[in-house]
PDB file of N, CA and C in Angstrom:
ATOM      1  N   MET A   1     166.382  59.676  14.673  1.00  0.00           N
ATOM      2  CA  MET A   1     165.084  60.618  15.021  1.00  0.00           C
ATOM      3  C   MET A   1     163.927  60.549  14.354  1.00  0.00           C
ATOM      4  N   GLU A   2     162.608  60.591  14.962  1.00  0.00           N
ATOM      5  CA  GLU A   2     161.446  60.267  14.493  1.00  0.00           C
ATOM      6  C   GLU A   2     161.059  61.748  13.765  1.00  0.00           C
ATOM      7  N   ALA A   3     159.879  61.380  12.707  1.00  0.00           N
ATOM      8  CA  ALA A   3     159.501  62.462  11.686  1.00  0.00           C
ATOM      9  C   ALA A   3     158.564  62.044  11.215  1.00  0.00           C
ATOM     10  N   SER A   4     157.552  63.139  10.738  1.00  0.00           N
ATOM     11  CA  SER A   4     156.070  62.864  10.412  1.00  0.00           C
ATOM     12  C   SER A   4     156.189  63.909   9.249  1.00  0.00           C
ATOM     13  N   ARG A   5     156.117  63.014   7.870  1.00  0.00           N
ATOM     14  CA  ARG A   5     155.763  64.112   6.805  1.00  0.00           C
ATOM     15  C   ARG A   5     154.060  64.142   6.295  1.00  0.00           C
ATOM     16  N   GLU A   6     153.783  64.981   5.865  1.00  0.00           N
ATOM     17  CA  GLU A   6     152.630  65.159   5.200  1.00  0.00           C
ATOM     18  C   GLU A   6     152.909  66.502   4.132  1.00  0.00           C
ATOM     19  N   ILE A   7     152.072  65.781   2.940  1.00  0.00           N
ATOM     20  CA  ILE A   7     152.087  67.001   1.403  1.00  0.00           C
ATOM     21  C   ILE A   7     150.750  67.614   1.528  1.00  0.00           C
ATOM     22  N   ARG A   8     150.327  68.687   1.451  1.00  0.00           N
ATOM     23  CA  ARG A   8     148.609  68.969   1.364  1.00  0.00           C
ATOM     24  C   ARG A   8     149.092  70.199   0.283  1.00  0.00           C
ATOM     25  N   GLU A   9     147.697  70.211  -0.237  1.00  0.00           N
ATOM     26  CA  GLU A   9     147.523  71.115  -0.787  1.00  0.00           C
ATOM     27  C   GLU A   9     146.722  72.339   0.023  1.00  0.00           C
ATOM     28  N   VAL A  10     147.254  73.644   0.353  1.00  0.00           N
ATOM     29  CA  VAL A  10     147.029  74.748   1.274  1.00  0.00           C
ATOM     30  C   VAL A  10     145.862  75.322   0.081  1.00  0.00           C
ATOM     31  N   THR A  11     144.417  75.345   0.729  1.00  0.00           N
ATOM     32  CA  THR A  11     143.384  76.438  -0.309  1.00  0.00           C
ATOM     33  C   THR A  11     142.931  77.426   0.644  1.00  0.00           C
ATOM     34  N   SER A  12     143.506  77.534   1.949  1.00  0.00           N
ATOM     35  CA  SER A  12     142.900  78.996   3.281  1.00  0.00           C
ATOM     36  C   SER A  12     144.131  78.726   4.085  1.00  0.00           C
ATOM     37  N   ASP A  13     143.978  79.815   4.555  1.00  0.00           N
ATOM     38  CA  ASP A  13     145.001  80.809   5.710  1.00  0.00           C
ATOM     39  C   ASP A  13     145.474  79.707   6.947  1.00  0.00           C
ATOM     40  N   THR A  14     144.753  78.509   7.222  1.00  0.00           N
ATOM     41  CA  THR A  14     144.654  77.765   8.256  1.00  0.00           C
ATOM     42  C   THR A  14     144.711  76.266   7.948  1.00  0.00           C
ATOM     43  N   ILE A  15     145.547  75.524   8.786  1.00  0.00           N
ATOM     44  CA  ILE A  15     145.382  74.199   8.537  1.00  0.00           C
ATOM     45  C   ILE A  15     145.461  73.426   9.793  1.00  0.00           C
ATOM     46  N   ASN A  16     144.741  71.968   9.804  1.00  0.00           N
ATOM     47  CA  ASN A  16     144.904  71.540  11.194  1.00  0.00           C
ATOM     48  C   ASN A  16     145.731  70.581  11.166  1.00  0.00           C
ATOM     49  N   ILE A  17     146.474  69.877  11.880  1.00  0.00           N
ATOM     50  CA  ILE A  17     147.320  69.034  11.821  1.00  0.00           C
ATOM     51  C   ILE A  17     146.938  67.710  12.978  1.00  0.00           C
ATOM     52  N   GLU A  18     147.099  66.660  12.806  1.00  0.00           N
ATOM     53  CA  GLU A  18     146.681  65.706  13.855  1.00  0.00           C
ATOM     54  C   GLU A  18     148.083  65.153  14.231  1.00  0.00           C
ATOM     55  N   ILE A  19     148.340  65.424  15.431  1.00  0.00           N
ATOM     56  CA  ILE A  19     149.602  64.801  15.820  1.00  0.00           C
ATOM     57  C   ILE A  19     149.527  63.265  16.104  1.00  0.00           C
ATOM     58  N   PRO A  20     150.912  62.706  15.748  1.00  0.00           N
ATOM     59  CA  PRO A  20     150.930  61.154  16.303  1.00  0.00           C
ATOM     60  C   PRO A  20     151.146  61.288  17.441  1.00  0.00           C
ATOM     61  N   GLU A  21     150.404  60.048  17.931  1.00  0.00           N
ATOM     62  CA  GLU A  21     150.630  59.647  19.473  1.00  0.00           C
ATOM     63  C   GLU A  21     152.166  59.196  20.151  1.00  0.00           C
ATOM     64  N   ALA A  22     152.942  59.434  19.197  1.00  0.00           N
ATOM     65  CA  ALA A  22     154.276  59.720  19.492  1.00  0.00           C
ATOM     66  C   ALA A  22     154.919  60.809  20.010  1.00  0.00           C
ATOM     67  N   PHE A  23     154.364  61.921  19.271  1.00  0.00           N
ATOM     68  CA  PHE A  23     154.643  62.985  19.420  1.00  0.00           C
ATOM     69  C   PHE A  23     153.795  63.968  20.725  1.00  0.00           C
ATOM     70  N   ARG A  24     153.018  63.266  21.098  1.00  0.00           N
ATOM     71  CA  ARG A  24     151.984  63.805  22.230  1.00  0.00           C
ATOM     72  C   ARG A  24     152.725  63.857  23.170  1.00  0.00           C
ATOM     73  N   GLN A  25     152.583  65.114  24.060  1.00  0.00           N
ATOM     74  CA  GLN A  25     153.009  65.432  25.770  1.00  0.00           C
ATOM     75  C   GLN A  25     154.619  65.413  24.961  1.00  0.00           C
ATOM     76  N   ARG A  26     154.930  66.111  24.093  1.00  0.00           N
ATOM     77  CA  ARG A  26     156.554  66.559  23.450  1.00  0.00           C
ATOM     78  C   ARG A  26     156.257  67.712  23.536  1.00  0.00           C
ATOM     79  N   LYS A  27     157.529  68.606  23.082  1.00  0.00           N
ATOM     80  CA  LYS A  27     157.936  69.280  22.076  1.00  0.00           C
ATOM     81  C   LYS A  27     158.092  69.234  20.778  1.00  0.00           C
ATOM     82  N   ILE A  28     157.367  70.154  20.061  1.00  0.00           N
ATOM     83  CA  ILE A  28     157.662  69.508  18.540  1.00  0.00           C
ATOM     84  C   ILE A  28     158.056  70.656  17.691  1.00  0.00           C
ATOM     85  N   GLU A  29     158.870  70.604  16.614  1.00  0.00           N
ATOM     86  CA  GLU A  29     158.987  71.785  15.441  1.00  0.00           C
ATOM     87  C   GLU A  29     158.285  71.603  14.739  1.00  0.00           C
ATOM     88  N   ILE A  30     157.603  72.693  14.152  1.00  0.00           N
ATOM     89  CA  ILE A  30     156.269  72.251  12.947  1.00  0.00           C
ATOM     90  C   ILE A  30     157.228  73.333  11.902  1.00  0.00           C
ATOM     91  N   ILE A  31     157.459  72.823  11.030  1.00  0.00           N
ATOM     92  CA  ILE A  31     158.251  73.630   9.654  1.00  0.00           C
ATOM     93  C   ILE A  31     157.370  73.685   8.275  1.00  0.00           C
ATOM     94  N   ILE A  32     157.155  74.900   7.653  1.00  0.00           N
ATOM     95  CA  ILE A  32     156.272  74.542   6.541  1.00  0.00           C
ATOM     96  C   ILE A  32     157.451  75.320   5.208  1.00  0.00           C
ATOM     97  N   LEU A  33     157.023  74.345   4.466  1.00  0.00           N
ATOM     98  CA  LEU A  33     158.173  74.510   3.516  1.00  0.00           C
ATOM     99  C   LEU A  33     157.013  74.745   2.194  1.00  0.00           C
ATOM    100  N   PRO A  34     157.446  75.549   0.964  1.00  0.00           N
ATOM    101  CA  PRO A  34     156.987  75.572   0.158  1.00  0.00           C
ATOM    102  C   PRO A  34     157.298  74.172  -0.680  1.00  0.00           C
ATOM    103  N   LEU A  35     156.309  73.775  -1.570  1.00  0.00           N
ATOM    104  CA  LEU A  35     156.911  72.428  -2.281  1.00  0.00           C
ATOM    105  C   LEU A  35     156.453  72.834  -4.088  1.00  0.00           C
ATOM    106  N   GLU A  36     157.614  72.407  -4.734  1.00  0.00           N
ATOM    107  CA  GLU A  36     157.464  72.669  -6.214  1.00  0.00           C
ATOM    108  C   GLU A  36     157.108  71.821  -7.106  1.00  0.00           C
ATOM    109  N   LYS A  37     157.706  70.474  -6.463  1.00  0.00           N
ATOM    110  CA  LYS A  37     157.143  68.961  -6.944  1.00  0.00           C
ATOM    111  C   LYS A  37     157.180  67.972  -5.949  1.00  0.00           C
ATOM    112  N   ILE A  38     156.598  67.030  -6.270  1.00  0.00           N
ATOM    113  CA  ILE A  38     156.262  65.719  -5.325  1.00  0.00           C
ATOM    114  C   ILE A  38     157.474  64.906  -5.206  1.00  0.00           C
ATOM    115  N   PRO A  39     158.405  64.732  -4.316  1.00  0.00           N
ATOM    116  CA  PRO A  39     159.410  63.368  -5.028  1.00  0.00           C
ATOM    117  C   PRO A  39     158.504  62.507  -5.577  1.00  0.00           C
ATOM    118  N   GLU A  40     159.181  61.692  -6.852  1.00  0.00           N
ATOM    119  CA  GLU A  40     158.659  60.485  -7.099  1.00  0.00           C
ATOM    120  C   GLU A  40     158.349  59.364  -6.329  1.00  0.00           C
ATOM    121  N   SER A  41     159.413  59.341  -5.153  1.00  0.00           N
ATOM    122  CA  SER A  41     159.105  58.302  -3.980  1.00  0.00           C
ATOM    123  C   SER A  41     158.128  58.233  -3.153  1.00  0.00           C
ATOM    124  N   TYR A  42     157.362  59.532  -3.044  1.00  0.00           N
ATOM    125  CA  TYR A  42     156.749  59.653  -1.983  1.00  0.00           C
ATOM    126  C   TYR A  42     154.988  59.489  -2.274  1.00  0.00           C
ATOM    127  N   THR A  43     154.484  58.494  -1.436  1.00  0.00           N
ATOM    128  CA  THR A  43     152.887  58.082  -1.090  1.00  0.00           C
ATOM    129  C   THR A  43     152.411  58.518  -0.036  1.00  0.00           C
ATOM    130  N   GLU A  44     151.007  58.842   0.007  1.00  0.00           N
ATOM    131  CA  GLU A  44     150.606  59.210   0.998  1.00  0.00           C
ATOM    132  C   GLU A  44     150.754  58.208   2.302  1.00  0.00           C
ATOM    133  N   GLY A  45     151.226  58.761   3.363  1.00  0.00           N
ATOM    134  CA  GLY A  45     151.634  57.773   4.466  1.00  0.00           C
ATOM    135  C   GLY A  45     152.899  57.232   4.167  1.00  0.00           C
ATOM    136  N   ASP A  46     153.547  57.487   3.422  1.00  0.00           N
ATOM    137  CA  ASP A  46     154.891  56.667   3.423  1.00  0.00           C
ATOM    138  C   ASP A  46     155.856  57.407   4.362  1.00  0.00           C
ATOM    139  N   SER A  47     156.842  56.615   4.769  1.00  0.00           N
ATOM    140  CA  SER A  47     158.271  57.251   5.686  1.00  0.00           C
ATOM    141  C   SER A  47     158.948  57.723   4.479  1.00  0.00           C
ATOM    142  N   GLN A  48     160.063  58.356   5.078  1.00  0.00           N
ATOM    143  CA  GLN A  48     160.915  59.132   4.413  1.00  0.00           C
ATOM    144  C   GLN A  48     161.922  58.587   3.483  1.00  0.00           C
ATOM    145  N   TRP A  49     161.722  57.072   3.599  1.00  0.00           N
ATOM    146  CA  TRP A  49     162.795  56.293   2.707  1.00  0.00           C
ATOM    147  C   TRP A  49     162.226  56.446   1.208  1.00  0.00           C
ATOM    148  N   PRO A  50     163.534  56.624   0.817  1.00  0.00           N
ATOM    149  CA  PRO A  50     162.799  56.215  -1.327  1.00  0.00           C
ATOM    150  C   PRO A  50     162.576  54.966  -1.507  1.00  0.00           C
ATOM    151  N   ALA A  51     161.371  54.931  -2.268  1.00  0.00           N
ATOM    152  CA  ALA A  51     161.127  53.892  -2.835  1.00  0.00           C
ATOM    153  C   ALA A  51     162.325  52.834  -3.235  1.00  0.00           C
ATOM    154  N   GLY A  52     162.031  51.646  -2.792  1.00  0.00           N
ATOM    155  CA  GLY A  52     163.340  50.305  -3.184  1.00  0.00           C
ATOM    156  C   GLY A  52     164.565  50.783  -2.397  1.00  0.00           C
ATOM    157  N   TYR A  53     164.619  51.616  -1.304  1.00  0.00           N
ATOM    158  CA  TYR A  53     166.059  51.822  -0.356  1.00  0.00           C
ATOM    159  C   TYR A  53     166.411  50.533   0.041  1.00  0.00           C
ATOM    160  N   PHE A  54     165.431  50.097   0.664  1.00  0.00           N
ATOM    161  CA  PHE A  54     165.984  48.572   1.567  1.00  0.00           C
ATOM    162  C   PHE A  54     166.390  47.672   0.906  1.00  0.00           C
ATOM    163  N   GLU A  55     165.576  47.312  -0.242  1.00  0.00           N
ATOM    164  CA  GLU A  55     166.186  46.367  -1.208  1.00  0.00           C
ATOM    165  C   GLU A  55     167.622  46.551  -2.019  1.00  0.00           C
ATOM    166  N   ARG A  56     168.007  48.011  -1.702  1.00  0.00           N
ATOM    167  CA  ARG A  56     169.186  48.124  -2.810  1.00  0.00           C
ATOM    168  C   ARG A  56     170.318  48.161  -1.477  1.00  0.00           C
ATOM    169  N   VAL A  57     170.053  48.251  -0.263  1.00  0.00           N
ATOM    170  CA  VAL A  57     171.037  48.393   1.126  1.00  0.00           C
ATOM    171  C   VAL A  57     171.191  47.157   1.733  1.00  0.00           C
ATOM    172  N   VAL A  58     170.014  46.203   1.706  1.00  0.00           N
ATOM    173  CA  VAL A  58     170.202  45.086   2.779  1.00  0.00           C
ATOM    174  C   VAL A  58     171.486  44.083   2.179  1.00  0.00           C
ATOM    175  N   GLY A  59     171.836  43.875   3.186  1.00  0.00           N
ATOM    176  CA  GLY A  59     173.200  42.829   2.911  1.00  0.00           C
ATOM    177  C   GLY A  59     174.722  43.767   2.553  1.00  0.00           C
ATOM    178  N   SER A  60     174.686  45.336   2.127  1.00  0.00           N
ATOM    179  CA  SER A  60     175.572  45.890   1.881  1.00  0.00           C
ATOM    180  C   SER A  60     176.736  45.940   2.604  1.00  0.00           C
ATOM    181  N   ALA A  61     176.604  46.122   4.176  1.00  0.00           N
ATOM    182  CA  ALA A  61     177.239  46.358   5.206  1.00  0.00           C
ATOM    183  C   ALA A  61     178.469  44.795   5.240  1.00  0.00           C
ATOM    184  N   PRO A  62     179.306  44.877   5.527  1.00  0.00           N
ATOM    185  CA  PRO A  62     180.098  43.804   5.773  1.00  0.00           C
ATOM    186  C   PRO A  62     180.076  43.529   6.938  1.00  0.00           C
ATOM    187  N   ASP A  63     179.952  41.854   6.992  1.00  0.00           N
ATOM    188  CA  ASP A  63     179.991  40.994   8.534  1.00  0.00           C
ATOM    189  C   ASP A  63     181.016  41.457   9.244  1.00  0.00           C
ATOM    190  N   PHE A  64     181.482  42.155  10.401  1.00  0.00           N
ATOM    191  CA  PHE A  64     182.641  41.860  11.052  1.00  0.00           C
ATOM    192  C   PHE A  64     182.959  40.957  12.092  1.00  0.00           C
ATOM    193  N   PRO A  65     183.680  40.385  11.937  1.00  0.00           N
ATOM    194  CA  PRO A  65     184.203  39.442  12.997  1.00  0.00           C
ATOM    195  C   PRO A  65     184.221  39.663  14.801  1.00  0.00           C
ATOM    196  N   ASP A  66     183.574  38.948  15.270  1.00  0.00           N
ATOM    197  CA  ASP A  66     183.428  39.033  16.742  1.00  0.00           C
ATOM    198  C   ASP A  66     184.595  39.260  17.128  1.00  0.00           C
ATOM    199  N   ILE A  67     184.549  40.222  18.370  1.00  0.00           N
ATOM    200  CA  ILE A  67     185.873  40.912  18.902  1.00  0.00           C
ATOM    201  C   ILE A  67     185.763  39.986  20.292  1.00  0.00           C
ATOM    202  N   GLU A  68     187.110  39.268  20.294  1.00  0.00           N
ATOM    203  CA  GLU A  68     187.097  38.476  21.686  1.00  0.00           C
ATOM    204  C   GLU A  68     187.281  39.827  22.874  1.00  0.00           C
ATOM    205  N   TYR A  69     187.060  39.444  24.162  1.00  0.00           N
ATOM    206  CA  TYR A  69     187.047  40.253  25.058  1.00  0.00           C
ATOM    207  C   TYR A  69     188.525  40.027  25.814  1.00  0.00           C
ATOM    208  N   GLU A  70     188.900  41.405  25.641  1.00  0.00           N
ATOM    209  CA  GLU A  70     190.392  41.410  26.128  1.00  0.00           C
ATOM    210  C   GLU A  70     190.868  41.651  27.513  1.00  0.00           C
ATOM    211  N   GLY A  71     189.655  41.831  28.553  1.00  0.00           N
ATOM    212  CA  GLY A  71     189.890  41.838  30.208  1.00  0.00           C
ATOM    213  C   GLY A  71     189.864  43.412  30.651  1.00  0.00           C
ATOM    214  N   ASP A  72     190.241  43.657  31.388  1.00  0.00           N
ATOM    215  CA  ASP A  72     190.071  45.245  32.090  1.00  0.00           C
ATOM    216  C   ASP A  72     191.471  45.801  32.261  1.00  0.00           C
TER     217      ASP A  72
END
């Protein structure tokens, strides 16, 4: 699933949202939630992966053996 996340300080009753090209010409869902605390792993323009996530999980899946084709 594709997602875009922005954290903004709201100072009026309207906001403008720039829609990424990947979302244009599609139906999208916009959800507005209050945010009490900015997550420690969030940085502006960051993906939704926590800081250091890939470094922790790379190589964590076992190597599966190749399975020979058994025919029809």
